[in-house]
């Protein structure tokens, strides 16, 4: 039987950053990473600031072995040392980034303000709309939602398929083994919600279910 917890959570440690946090907090072992005010901050698990690295327009970050991968509005994808935050390399392709990069087979993929999926794995493809947030990806396909209200599946061959969402996407999509989940905004008096589309077989690009709620969902989970 579960034991009820009646006490309020206690703050263990805190730190005031240079501005609002603009991407999900990353926790890995004994280190914590946050993105705010064009800066990536690294902390120990007990709240000691380890380093900070300023990157113009950085919007999100991801972990890759002993490196942090991040990009921003100047159009560069950076690989930083996790130990000290110093840039070890960078690549420039496709234009200013939106959201965080995501791993794919052979490298990393990201979306740009101009509606392009760019990669450091040797391919680049346009989908022609404004991305709503961080993409999602499996080994060979990048999934992108847009503020115009579309979901795109993009591969090295181009746009594999696209569907029209019930309304504008609020954030990037989420994946599981079978589905793509997208949160969408309210429209014409109907509340926003979450919709699921199939990823494989006979349900490919077909709507599986839709949920409306009296709220503005921030992301599909």
Protein backbone atom coordinates (compact mmCIF):
# COMPACT_ATOMS: atom_id res chain seq x y z
CA UNK A 1 0.00 0.00 0.00
CA UNK A 2 1.22 3.47 -0.86
CA UNK A 3 1.93 5.80 2.04
CA UNK A 4 0.33 9.23 1.80
CA UNK A 5 2.73 12.17 1.79
CA UNK A 6 1.21 15.18 3.52
CA UNK A 7 4.21 17.48 3.89
CA UNK A 8 5.19 20.09 1.33
CA UNK A 9 8.41 19.59 -0.66
CA UNK A 10 11.42 21.36 0.79
CA UNK A 11 13.83 23.41 -1.27
CA UNK A 12 17.26 21.78 -1.22
CA UNK A 13 19.08 24.46 -3.17
CA UNK A 14 18.36 27.23 -5.66
CA UNK A 15 20.17 29.59 -7.97
CA UNK A 16 19.03 32.78 -9.71
CA UNK A 17 19.88 32.71 -13.40
CA UNK A 18 20.19 35.65 -15.79
CA UNK A 19 16.66 35.29 -17.13
CA UNK A 20 13.76 32.86 -17.69
CA UNK A 21 14.63 29.19 -18.22
CA UNK A 22 13.93 28.50 -21.92
CA UNK A 23 14.36 24.71 -22.18
CA UNK A 24 13.78 21.62 -20.03
CA UNK A 25 16.28 21.08 -17.21
CA UNK A 26 18.73 18.25 -17.96
CA UNK A 27 19.77 15.99 -15.07
CA UNK A 28 22.49 13.42 -15.64
CA UNK A 29 24.10 11.61 -12.75
CA UNK A 30 25.69 14.19 -10.49
CA UNK A 31 25.26 17.21 -12.79
CA UNK A 32 22.35 19.51 -13.67
CA UNK A 33 22.15 21.74 -16.78
CA UNK A 34 19.87 24.72 -17.43
CA UNK A 35 19.46 27.15 -20.36
CA UNK A 36 18.59 30.80 -19.70
CA UNK A 37 19.54 34.24 -21.02
CA UNK A 38 21.62 32.90 -23.97
CA UNK A 39 23.65 30.84 -21.50
CA UNK A 40 24.07 27.18 -20.54
CA UNK A 41 24.63 26.71 -16.80
CA UNK A 42 26.09 23.58 -15.21
CA UNK A 43 25.60 22.72 -11.51
CA UNK A 44 26.61 19.87 -9.28
CA UNK A 45 23.81 17.82 -7.74
CA UNK A 46 24.29 19.70 -4.44
CA UNK A 47 23.86 23.12 -6.08
CA UNK A 48 27.40 24.33 -6.74
CA UNK A 49 27.78 26.21 -10.01
CA UNK A 50 30.42 24.44 -12.09
CA UNK A 51 30.52 26.65 -15.17
CA UNK A 52 28.47 28.73 -17.58
CA UNK A 53 28.85 29.13 -21.32
CA UNK A 54 27.27 31.99 -23.26
CA UNK A 55 25.98 31.12 -26.75
CA UNK A 56 24.07 33.69 -28.85
CA UNK A 57 20.38 32.82 -28.90
CA UNK A 58 20.77 29.33 -27.43
CA UNK A 59 17.35 27.71 -27.09
CA UNK A 60 18.04 24.22 -25.85
CA UNK A 61 20.64 21.56 -25.28
CA UNK A 62 21.10 17.79 -25.26
CA UNK A 63 23.73 15.35 -23.98
CA UNK A 64 26.01 13.34 -26.25
CA UNK A 65 28.55 11.20 -24.40
CA UNK A 66 31.03 13.56 -22.76
CA UNK A 67 29.68 16.56 -24.72
CA UNK A 68 26.72 18.92 -24.65
CA UNK A 69 25.09 19.71 -27.99
CA UNK A 70 23.41 23.10 -28.32
CA UNK A 71 22.48 25.65 -30.95
CA UNK A 72 20.83 29.03 -31.28
CA UNK A 73 19.70 31.91 -33.43
CA UNK A 74 23.08 32.54 -35.05
CA UNK A 75 22.69 29.24 -36.89
CA UNK A 76 25.54 27.25 -35.32
CA UNK A 77 25.40 23.87 -33.60
CA UNK A 78 27.99 23.67 -30.82
CA UNK A 79 29.59 20.72 -29.09
CA UNK A 80 30.75 21.71 -25.60
CA UNK A 81 32.89 19.90 -23.06
CA UNK A 82 30.74 18.76 -20.15
CA UNK A 83 33.63 19.32 -17.75
CA UNK A 84 34.18 23.03 -18.41
CA UNK A 85 31.61 24.22 -21.00
CA UNK A 86 34.22 25.15 -23.59
CA UNK A 87 33.33 24.67 -27.26
CA UNK A 88 35.24 21.81 -28.86
CA UNK A 89 33.66 22.17 -32.33
CA UNK A 90 30.73 23.72 -34.19
CA UNK A 91 28.84 23.35 -37.46
CA UNK A 92 26.75 25.90 -39.34
CA UNK A 93 23.93 24.75 -41.58
CA UNK A 94 20.33 25.61 -42.36
CA UNK A 95 19.89 28.89 -40.44
CA UNK A 96 18.85 29.91 -36.90
CA UNK A 97 17.81 26.96 -34.74
CA UNK A 98 14.49 26.49 -32.95
CA UNK A 99 14.44 24.35 -29.81
CA UNK A 100 16.99 21.66 -29.03
CA UNK A 101 18.85 19.28 -31.36
CA UNK A 102 17.83 15.62 -31.37
CA UNK A 103 19.91 12.49 -32.05
CA UNK A 104 19.47 10.57 -35.31
CA UNK A 105 21.34 7.76 -37.01
CA UNK A 106 24.80 9.09 -37.79
CA UNK A 107 24.60 12.39 -35.94
CA UNK A 108 22.22 15.15 -34.87
CA UNK A 109 19.23 16.91 -36.40
CA UNK A 110 17.65 20.28 -35.70
CA UNK A 111 14.98 22.55 -37.18
CA UNK A 112 15.42 26.15 -38.26
CA UNK A 113 13.24 29.25 -38.30
CA UNK A 114 13.04 28.97 -42.11
CA UNK A 115 11.35 25.56 -41.98
CA UNK A 116 14.33 23.31 -42.65
CA UNK A 117 15.47 20.07 -41.03
CA UNK A 118 19.27 20.30 -40.95
CA UNK A 119 21.73 17.64 -39.82
CA UNK A 120 25.42 16.99 -39.38
CA UNK A 121 24.81 13.53 -40.90
CA UNK A 122 25.00 14.68 -44.52
CA UNK A 123 21.43 15.70 -45.35
CA UNK A 124 19.12 18.73 -45.24
CA UNK A 125 15.43 18.92 -46.20
CA UNK A 126 12.84 21.72 -46.23
CA UNK A 127 9.26 21.42 -44.93
CA UNK A 128 8.37 25.08 -45.55
CA UNK A 129 6.56 26.15 -42.37
CA UNK A 130 7.47 27.70 -39.01
CA UNK A 131 8.36 25.07 -36.38
CA UNK A 132 6.46 25.18 -33.10
CA UNK A 133 9.28 23.84 -30.96
CA UNK A 134 11.82 21.09 -30.49
CA UNK A 135 11.52 18.23 -33.01
CA UNK A 136 11.41 14.54 -32.16
CA UNK A 137 13.26 11.81 -34.03
CA UNK A 138 13.93 8.12 -34.42
CA UNK A 139 16.90 6.66 -36.30
CA UNK A 140 15.87 7.90 -39.75
CA UNK A 141 12.92 10.30 -39.44
CA UNK A 142 12.51 13.73 -37.86
CA UNK A 143 9.01 14.78 -36.73
CA UNK A 144 8.18 18.50 -36.72
CA UNK A 145 5.08 20.42 -35.65
CA UNK A 146 4.33 23.92 -36.91
CA UNK A 147 2.49 27.03 -35.79
CA UNK A 148 0.49 26.83 -39.03
CA UNK A 149 -1.02 23.58 -37.71
CA UNK A 150 0.83 20.77 -39.45
CA UNK A 151 2.83 17.68 -38.48
CA UNK A 152 5.65 16.66 -40.83
CA UNK A 153 7.68 13.46 -40.98
CA UNK A 154 10.98 14.27 -42.70
CA UNK A 155 13.75 11.88 -43.74
CA UNK A 156 16.84 12.11 -45.96
CA UNK A 157 14.47 11.51 -48.92
CA UNK A 158 12.33 14.57 -48.07
CA UNK A 159 8.88 14.94 -46.51
CA UNK A 160 7.62 11.37 -46.05
CA UNK A 161 4.13 12.42 -44.94
CA UNK A 162 2.24 15.31 -43.39
CA UNK A 163 -1.09 15.76 -41.62
CA UNK A 164 -3.18 18.80 -40.73
CA UNK A 165 -3.59 19.24 -36.98
CA UNK A 166 -6.87 20.31 -35.30
CA UNK A 167 -5.22 23.70 -34.61
CA UNK A 168 -1.79 25.29 -34.27
CA UNK A 169 0.76 23.17 -32.43
CA UNK A 170 1.79 24.50 -29.02
CA UNK A 171 5.11 22.68 -28.79
CA UNK A 172 7.14 19.97 -30.48
CA UNK A 173 5.86 16.38 -30.77
CA UNK A 174 6.56 13.38 -28.56
CA UNK A 175 7.08 9.77 -29.67
CA UNK A 176 6.61 6.26 -28.40
CA UNK A 177 7.05 2.99 -30.31
CA UNK A 178 3.76 3.34 -32.20
CA UNK A 179 2.56 6.95 -32.12
CA UNK A 180 3.36 10.62 -32.53
CA UNK A 181 1.67 12.87 -29.93
CA UNK A 182 1.00 16.56 -30.52
CA UNK A 183 -0.48 19.23 -28.25
CA UNK A 184 -2.61 21.83 -30.02
CA UNK A 185 -4.15 25.19 -29.18
CA UNK A 186 -7.79 26.20 -28.77
CA UNK A 187 -9.61 27.19 -31.96
CA UNK A 188 -13.03 28.64 -32.77
CA UNK A 189 -14.23 28.25 -29.20
CA UNK A 190 -13.12 24.62 -28.94
CA UNK A 191 -10.51 23.89 -26.26
CA UNK A 192 -7.03 22.68 -27.07
CA UNK A 193 -5.82 19.18 -26.39
CA UNK A 194 -3.61 16.30 -27.49
CA UNK A 195 -3.89 14.18 -30.64
CA UNK A 196 -2.12 10.90 -31.51
CA UNK A 197 -1.12 9.70 -34.99
CA UNK A 198 0.19 6.29 -35.99
CA UNK A 199 3.81 5.91 -37.07
CA UNK A 200 3.77 2.51 -38.78
CA UNK A 201 1.84 0.11 -40.99
CA UNK A 202 -1.85 0.63 -41.80
CA UNK A 203 -2.13 3.39 -39.15
CA UNK A 204 0.69 5.44 -40.67
CA UNK A 205 -0.25 9.16 -40.49
CA UNK A 206 -3.79 8.29 -39.35
CA UNK A 207 -5.39 9.78 -36.25
CA UNK A 208 -5.70 7.23 -33.45
CA UNK A 209 -7.39 9.40 -30.84
CA UNK A 210 -7.94 12.99 -29.75
CA UNK A 211 -8.46 14.51 -26.31
CA UNK A 212 -9.88 17.99 -25.64
CA UNK A 213 -9.56 19.65 -22.24
CA UNK A 214 -10.28 22.99 -20.62
CA UNK A 215 -6.60 23.89 -20.57
CA UNK A 216 -3.71 24.89 -22.79
CA UNK A 217 -1.41 21.85 -22.87
CA UNK A 218 2.29 22.72 -22.92
CA UNK A 219 3.49 19.46 -24.47
CA UNK A 220 2.41 15.99 -25.43
CA UNK A 221 3.71 13.36 -23.02
